[in-house]
C-alpha atoms as a PDB file:
ATOM      1  CA  GLN A   1      90.718 153.969 174.052  1.00  0.00           C
ATOM      2  CA  VAL A   2      86.911 153.889 174.600  1.00  0.00           C
ATOM      3  CA  GLN A   3      84.994 150.803 173.565  1.00  0.00           C
ATOM      4  CA  LEU A   4      81.221 150.369 173.531  1.00  0.00           C
ATOM      5  CA  VAL A   5      79.214 147.078 173.395  1.00  0.00           C
ATOM      6  CA  GLU A   6      75.654 147.154 172.717  1.00  0.00           C
ATOM      7  CA  SER A   7      73.216 144.345 173.746  1.00  0.00           C
ATOM      8  CA  GLY A   8      69.561 143.616 174.172  1.00  0.00           C
ATOM      9  CA  GLY A   9      68.173 143.978 170.691  1.00  0.00           C
ATOM     10  CA  GLY A  10      65.942 141.394 169.102  1.00  0.00           C
ATOM     11  CA  LEU A  11      62.411 140.650 167.500  1.00  0.00           C
ATOM     12  CA  VAL A  12      59.444 142.061 169.438  1.00  0.00           C
ATOM     13  CA  GLN A  13      55.776 142.399 168.538  1.00  0.00           C
ATOM     14  CA  PRO A  14      54.103 145.913 168.475  1.00  0.00           C
ATOM     15  CA  GLY A  15      53.164 147.078 171.804  1.00  0.00           C
ATOM     16  CA  GLY A  16      56.020 145.100 173.272  1.00  0.00           C
ATOM     17  CA  SER A  17      59.178 146.159 175.364  1.00  0.00           C
ATOM     18  CA  LEU A  18      62.921 145.886 175.091  1.00  0.00           C
ATOM     19  CA  ARG A  19      65.799 147.123 177.192  1.00  0.00           C
ATOM     20  CA  LEU A  20      69.035 147.910 175.441  1.00  0.00           C
ATOM     21  CA  SER A  21      72.362 148.126 177.279  1.00  0.00           C
ATOM     22  CA  CYS A  22      75.592 149.726 176.306  1.00  0.00           C
ATOM     23  CA  ALA A  23      78.714 148.698 178.360  1.00  0.00           C
ATOM     24  CA  VAL A  24      81.610 151.278 178.128  1.00  0.00           C
ATOM     25  CA  SER A  25      85.221 150.653 178.878  1.00  0.00           C
ATOM     26  CA  GLY A  26      88.460 152.516 178.626  1.00  0.00           C
ATOM     27  CA  GLY A  27      87.491 156.016 179.963  1.00  0.00           C
ATOM     28  CA  ALA A  28      85.970 158.244 182.430  1.00  0.00           C
ATOM     29  CA  PHE A  29      82.417 157.100 181.940  1.00  0.00           C
ATOM     30  CA  SER A  30      80.813 159.554 184.519  1.00  0.00           C
ATOM     31  CA  THR A  31      82.045 162.511 182.576  1.00  0.00           C
ATOM     32  CA  TYR A  32      80.615 161.452 179.151  1.00  0.00           C
ATOM     33  CA  THR A  33      77.600 162.430 177.266  1.00  0.00           C
ATOM     34  CA  MET A  34      75.930 159.187 176.188  1.00  0.00           C
ATOM     35  CA  GLY A  35      73.504 158.744 173.408  1.00  0.00           C
ATOM     36  CA  TRP A  36      71.429 156.342 171.593  1.00  0.00           C
ATOM     37  CA  TYR A  37      71.019 156.649 167.795  1.00  0.00           C
ATOM     38  CA  ARG A  38      69.161 154.524 165.362  1.00  0.00           C
ATOM     39  CA  GLN A  39      69.293 153.941 161.528  1.00  0.00           C
ATOM     40  CA  ALA A  40      66.345 152.336 159.704  1.00  0.00           C
ATOM     41  CA  PRO A  41      66.609 150.929 156.162  1.00  0.00           C
ATOM     42  CA  GLY A  42      66.709 153.754 153.646  1.00  0.00           C
ATOM     43  CA  LYS A  43      66.883 156.551 156.390  1.00  0.00           C
ATOM     44  CA  GLN A  44      69.499 158.611 157.996  1.00  0.00           C
ATOM     45  CA  ARG A  45      70.889 157.975 161.288  1.00  0.00           C
ATOM     46  CA  GLU A  46      68.860 159.768 163.878  1.00  0.00           C
ATOM     47  CA  LEU A  47      69.341 160.782 167.509  1.00  0.00           C
ATOM     48  CA  VAL A  48      66.958 158.921 169.815  1.00  0.00           C
ATOM     49  CA  ALA A  49      67.984 160.024 173.325  1.00  0.00           C
ATOM     50  CA  ARG A  50      70.969 161.586 175.145  1.00  0.00           C
ATOM     51  CA  ILE A  51      71.887 161.750 178.738  1.00  0.00           C
ATOM     52  CA  PHE A  52      74.507 164.104 179.918  1.00  0.00           C
ATOM     53  CA  SER A  53      76.996 163.778 182.825  1.00  0.00           C
ATOM     54  CA  THR A  54      74.674 165.852 185.011  1.00  0.00           C
ATOM     55  CA  GLY A  55      71.872 163.358 184.509  1.00  0.00           C
ATOM     56  CA  SER A  56      69.764 165.478 182.421  1.00  0.00           C
ATOM     57  CA  MET A  57      68.338 163.899 179.420  1.00  0.00           C
ATOM     58  CA  TYR A  58      66.785 164.499 175.981  1.00  0.00           C
ATOM     59  CA  HIS A  59      64.417 162.356 174.080  1.00  0.00           C
ATOM     60  CA  ALA A  60      63.382 162.698 170.386  1.00  0.00           C
ATOM     61  CA  ASP A  61      59.743 163.632 169.986  1.00  0.00           C
ATOM     62  CA  SER A  62      59.121 160.345 168.065  1.00  0.00           C
ATOM     63  CA  VAL A  63      59.958 158.402 171.306  1.00  0.00           C
ATOM     64  CA  LYS A  64      59.050 160.678 174.079  1.00  0.00           C
ATOM     65  CA  GLY A  65      56.804 159.113 176.471  1.00  0.00           C
ATOM     66  CA  ARG A  66      57.826 155.545 175.319  1.00  0.00           C
ATOM     67  CA  PHE A  67      61.593 155.365 175.479  1.00  0.00           C
ATOM     68  CA  THR A  68      63.768 156.293 178.581  1.00  0.00           C
ATOM     69  CA  ILE A  69      67.464 156.665 178.605  1.00  0.00           C
ATOM     70  CA  SER A  70      69.354 156.019 181.870  1.00  0.00           C
ATOM     71  CA  ARG A  71      72.827 155.570 183.121  1.00  0.00           C
ATOM     72  CA  ASP A  72      74.550 153.646 185.871  1.00  0.00           C
ATOM     73  CA  ASN A  73      77.965 155.072 186.525  1.00  0.00           C
ATOM     74  CA  ALA A  74      78.932 152.367 188.953  1.00  0.00           C
ATOM     75  CA  ARG A  75      78.615 149.984 186.025  1.00  0.00           C
ATOM     76  CA  ASN A  76      79.703 152.118 183.181  1.00  0.00           C
ATOM     77  CA  THR A  77      76.448 151.317 181.347  1.00  0.00           C
ATOM     78  CA  VAL A  78      73.832 153.371 179.637  1.00  0.00           C
ATOM     79  CA  TYR A  79      70.336 151.854 179.054  1.00  0.00           C
ATOM     80  CA  LEU A  80      67.506 152.390 176.748  1.00  0.00           C
ATOM     81  CA  GLN A  81      64.240 151.256 178.045  1.00  0.00           C
ATOM     82  CA  MET A  82      61.761 150.880 175.042  1.00  0.00           C
ATOM     83  CA  ASN A  83      58.031 150.509 175.760  1.00  0.00           C
ATOM     84  CA  SER A  84      54.974 150.525 173.366  1.00  0.00           C
ATOM     85  CA  LEU A  85      57.227 149.606 170.527  1.00  0.00           C
ATOM     86  CA  LYS A  86      56.074 150.274 166.971  1.00  0.00           C
ATOM     87  CA  PRO A  87      57.078 148.924 163.561  1.00  0.00           C
ATOM     88  CA  GLU A  88      58.565 152.193 162.820  1.00  0.00           C
ATOM     89  CA  ASP A  89      61.024 151.753 165.639  1.00  0.00           C
ATOM     90  CA  THR A  90      62.630 148.973 163.612  1.00  0.00           C
ATOM     91  CA  ALA A  91      66.277 149.990 163.184  1.00  0.00           C
ATOM     92  CA  VAL A  92      69.790 149.192 164.227  1.00  0.00           C
ATOM     93  CA  TYR A  93      70.449 151.031 167.428  1.00  0.00           C
ATOM     94  CA  TYR A  94      73.947 152.402 168.247  1.00  0.00           C
ATOM     95  CA  CYS A  95      75.420 153.601 171.481  1.00  0.00           C
ATOM     96  CA  ASN A  96      77.582 156.907 171.285  1.00  0.00           C
ATOM     97  CA  VAL A  97      80.012 158.591 173.694  1.00  0.00           C
ATOM     98  CA  PHE A  98      80.666 162.259 173.150  1.00  0.00           C
ATOM     99  CA  THR A  99      83.392 164.042 174.978  1.00  0.00           C
ATOM    100  CA  THR A 100      85.954 166.771 174.567  1.00  0.00           C
ATOM    101  CA  ILE A 101      89.614 166.927 174.880  1.00  0.00           C
ATOM    102  CA  GLY A 102      90.809 170.459 174.946  1.00  0.00           C
ATOM    103  CA  LEU A 103      89.227 172.161 171.841  1.00  0.00           C
ATOM    104  CA  SER A 104      88.623 168.819 170.073  1.00  0.00           C
ATOM    105  CA  MET A 105      85.475 166.920 170.150  1.00  0.00           C
ATOM    106  CA  ARG A 106      85.437 163.117 170.061  1.00  0.00           C
ATOM    107  CA  ASP A 107      82.837 160.600 169.177  1.00  0.00           C
ATOM    108  CA  TYR A 108      82.945 156.873 169.827  1.00  0.00           C
ATOM    109  CA  TRP A 109      80.388 154.386 168.502  1.00  0.00           C
ATOM    110  CA  GLY A 110      79.397 150.789 169.183  1.00  0.00           C
ATOM    111  CA  GLN A 111      78.716 148.302 166.425  1.00  0.00           C
ATOM    112  CA  GLY A 112      75.008 148.400 166.857  1.00  0.00           C
ATOM    113  CA  THR A 113      72.157 146.085 167.846  1.00  0.00           C
ATOM    114  CA  GLN A 114      69.218 145.253 165.740  1.00  0.00           C
ATOM    115  CA  VAL A 115      65.735 145.878 166.843  1.00  0.00           C
ATOM    116  CA  THR A 116      62.881 144.578 164.722  1.00  0.00           C
ATOM    117  CA  VAL A 117      59.246 145.400 165.597  1.00  0.00           C
ATOM    118  CA  SER A 118      56.980 143.089 163.654  1.00  0.00           C
ATOM    119  CA  SER A 119      53.867 140.946 164.090  1.00  0.00           C
END
């Protein structure tokens, strides 16, 4: 039922900024834990940031101070503001929904958006 569509990726120079968006449809967005993950070539997918239904958030050490996750419940959208981008940030970025139904956990994923940081 839940569908996620990422946008905002592209090519940016080191030190530049990019804002990713993830539009969510088909569920109770305000109750979801939302996340941004990324996968670089030859590496495992890693968690970048999470924001919970309470508004509290988590950022990985590698992006802390540079990236900020936020959500707009009125628009069913989660954002990732990326500043001071580095070449090591190059990856496909995926939006994620985590929720529970009874005792079951459910994950939903977007198709990803490419971020390339290069001079």
